[in-house]
Protein backbone atom coordinates (compact mmCIF):
# COMPACT_ATOMS: atom_id res chain seq x y z
CA MET A 1 -19.03 106.05 -48.78
CA LYS A 2 -18.02 107.64 -45.41
CA THR A 3 -15.27 104.77 -45.32
CA ALA A 4 -13.69 105.83 -48.98
CA LEU A 5 -14.05 109.35 -47.77
CA CYS A 6 -11.76 108.51 -44.50
CA PHE A 7 -9.67 106.91 -46.27
CA SER A 8 -9.04 109.91 -49.40
CA SER A 9 -8.52 112.33 -45.89
CA ILE A 10 -5.41 110.19 -45.14
CA ALA A 11 -3.75 109.86 -47.95
CA MET A 12 -4.23 113.79 -48.88
CA ALA A 13 -3.15 114.19 -45.19
CA ALA A 14 -0.39 112.11 -45.87
CA MET A 15 1.02 112.98 -49.20
CA LEU A 16 0.64 116.91 -47.67
CA ALA A 17 2.97 115.40 -44.51
CA LEU A 18 5.68 114.26 -47.01
CA THR A 19 5.09 116.92 -49.57
CA PRO A 20 6.79 119.85 -47.80
CA ALA A 21 9.61 118.05 -46.51
CA ALA A 22 11.05 117.47 -50.04
CA PHE A 23 11.46 121.70 -50.25
CA ALA A 24 11.97 122.25 -46.68
CA ALA A 25 15.70 121.98 -46.66
CA ASP A 26 16.03 125.25 -49.16
CA GLU A 27 18.56 123.80 -51.35
CA TYR A 28 17.05 125.53 -54.42
CA ASN A 29 15.81 129.88 -54.68
CA VAL A 30 12.73 128.76 -55.88
CA SER A 31 9.71 131.34 -56.54
CA ASN A 32 6.68 131.31 -54.35
CA GLY A 33 4.36 128.91 -55.72
CA LEU A 34 4.27 125.73 -58.13
CA THR A 35 4.21 125.14 -61.47
CA LEU A 36 1.84 123.61 -63.65
CA THR A 37 3.44 119.74 -63.03
CA GLY A 38 3.30 121.13 -59.49
CA LYS A 39 7.32 121.50 -58.35
CA PRO A 40 8.53 124.65 -57.77
CA LEU A 41 10.20 127.36 -60.16
CA GLY A 42 13.88 127.80 -60.41
CA MET A 43 15.69 131.03 -61.32
CA HIS A 44 12.57 133.05 -61.39
CA GLY A 45 11.77 131.62 -65.10
CA PHE A 46 14.63 132.83 -66.14
CA ASP A 47 16.10 130.94 -68.84
CA PRO A 48 19.81 128.75 -67.65
CA VAL A 49 21.20 127.81 -71.02
CA ALA A 50 20.57 131.33 -72.20
CA MET A 51 22.58 133.00 -69.21
CA PHE A 52 25.46 131.49 -71.36
CA ASP A 53 24.29 132.52 -74.94
CA SER A 54 22.86 136.33 -74.71
CA GLU A 55 23.88 139.07 -74.07
CA ALA A 56 20.97 139.52 -71.49
CA PRO A 57 18.73 137.25 -69.96
CA ARG A 58 16.03 136.03 -71.23
CA ILE A 59 12.56 134.80 -69.86
CA GLY A 60 11.50 131.44 -70.40
CA ASP A 61 8.23 129.58 -71.26
CA ALA A 62 6.21 126.83 -69.91
CA VAL A 63 6.08 125.34 -73.12
CA TYR A 64 9.32 124.32 -72.59
CA THR A 65 9.53 122.97 -68.63
CA SER A 66 12.76 120.55 -67.62
CA ALA A 67 12.66 119.41 -64.03
CA HIS A 68 16.32 118.63 -61.86
CA ASP A 69 16.26 117.60 -59.07
CA GLY A 70 12.39 118.32 -58.19
CA VAL A 71 12.83 121.66 -59.62
CA ASP A 72 11.19 123.01 -63.28
CA TYR A 73 12.90 125.19 -65.13
CA TYR A 74 11.79 127.02 -68.43
CA PHE A 75 13.71 127.16 -71.22
CA ALA A 76 12.61 130.44 -74.29
CA SER A 77 13.73 127.60 -76.83
CA GLU A 78 13.18 124.01 -77.40
CA ALA A 79 16.84 123.86 -77.99
CA ALA A 80 17.78 125.68 -75.02
CA GLN A 81 15.52 122.79 -73.36
CA GLN A 82 17.35 119.88 -74.90
CA ARG A 83 20.61 121.08 -74.96
CA PHE A 84 19.66 121.25 -70.93
CA ASP A 85 18.34 118.26 -70.61
CA THR A 86 21.38 116.77 -72.10
CA ASP A 87 23.90 118.43 -69.20
CA PRO A 88 21.75 120.28 -66.87
CA GLY A 89 24.62 120.79 -64.29
CA ALA A 90 26.67 122.59 -67.19
CA TYR A 91 23.77 125.51 -66.87
CA LEU A 92 22.34 125.70 -63.76
CA PRO A 93 23.50 128.06 -61.01
CA GLN A 94 25.84 127.32 -58.15
CA PHE A 95 24.80 127.14 -55.24
CA GLY A 96 21.28 126.41 -55.50
CA GLY A 97 21.39 129.42 -57.42
CA PHE A 98 20.71 131.24 -54.00
CA CYS A 99 23.04 134.84 -54.30
CA ALA A 100 27.04 133.62 -54.02
CA TYR A 101 27.88 136.76 -52.25
CA GLY A 102 25.14 135.69 -49.77
CA VAL A 103 26.89 132.00 -49.03
CA PHE A 104 30.02 133.89 -48.70
CA VAL A 105 28.54 135.53 -45.45
CA GLY A 106 26.92 132.09 -44.49
CA LYS A 107 23.66 133.16 -46.14
CA LYS A 108 21.00 132.27 -48.67
CA LEU A 109 20.09 135.38 -50.44
CA ASP A 110 17.42 135.25 -53.39
CA GLY A 111 19.86 135.48 -56.74
CA ASP A 112 18.99 137.77 -59.13
CA VAL A 113 19.66 137.35 -63.02
CA ARG A 114 20.46 140.84 -63.79
CA TYR A 115 23.52 140.42 -61.51
CA ALA A 116 25.58 137.38 -62.50
CA ASP A 117 28.79 136.39 -63.63
CA ILE A 118 30.25 133.69 -65.34
CA VAL A 119 33.64 131.78 -64.24
CA ASP A 120 35.17 129.09 -65.58
CA GLY A 121 32.17 127.71 -66.80
CA LYS A 122 29.82 128.15 -64.30
CA LEU A 123 26.77 130.41 -63.16
CA TYR A 124 26.74 132.36 -60.03
CA LEU A 125 23.95 134.99 -59.29
CA PHE A 126 23.85 137.51 -56.79
CA VAL A 127 20.99 139.49 -55.22
CA ASN A 128 21.45 143.07 -56.72
CA ALA A 129 23.98 145.65 -57.78
CA ALA A 130 25.49 146.74 -54.79
CA VAL A 131 26.59 142.90 -53.36
CA PHE A 132 27.64 142.68 -56.84
CA GLU A 133 30.06 144.79 -56.68
CA LYS A 134 31.09 143.56 -53.18
CA TYR A 135 31.80 140.60 -55.51
CA LEU A 136 33.53 141.95 -58.36
CA ALA A 137 36.16 143.84 -54.87
CA ASN A 138 36.88 140.09 -54.49
CA ARG A 139 35.80 137.87 -56.94
CA GLU A 140 38.82 134.23 -56.03
CA GLU A 141 38.31 134.83 -52.59
CA VAL A 142 34.22 134.80 -52.63
CA LEU A 143 34.34 131.86 -54.99
CA ALA A 144 36.47 129.95 -52.96
CA THR A 145 35.31 130.54 -49.63
CA ALA A 146 31.42 130.72 -50.70
CA ASP A 147 32.23 126.92 -52.13
CA GLU A 148 33.94 126.07 -48.49
CA LYS A 149 30.81 127.23 -46.77
CA TRP A 150 28.41 125.99 -49.43
CA PRO A 151 28.15 121.85 -48.02
CA ASP A 152 27.77 123.30 -44.75
CA ILE A 153 24.24 125.57 -45.30
CA ARG A 154 23.31 123.50 -48.26
CA SER A 155 20.52 121.63 -46.57
CA ALA A 156 19.60 124.01 -43.81
CA ALA A 157 16.80 126.31 -43.73
CA ILE A 158 16.93 129.60 -44.56
CA GLU A 159 15.33 130.62 -41.49
CA ASP A 160 17.66 129.15 -39.73
CA LEU A 161 20.70 130.87 -41.11
């Protein structure tokens, strides 16, 4: 019994040691905590497909969950989930869901679906109304510079920026 307990403890410790490393790079803006599948939740539970179809963001339902690159996304309907599953890249927010203006200034700020823009079929999120207004004043430069900076900060921990 003691041997089995020791083995289980070692296996559990090894698993826990590996788990944080998968998310330590902060490549995706995810909610605190995990979903029922054990993955972090992207877009704070809002439906990424609805961002392209609705006038307002729609909260997803855990019944319709799909994972992409280790992150769970919730959808408002089965049809939206199926569209996402066919082509996730067409619906995922740019910069891992972090604020595009934040990336422009070299930071990873929270992306809020209430402040979003779709440019050339790509979804961009912003941290708040004030930052969104700054972005709108210089949209092309912000997006071009953010695109240039993202590869250098993508795998950087938030606290290191």
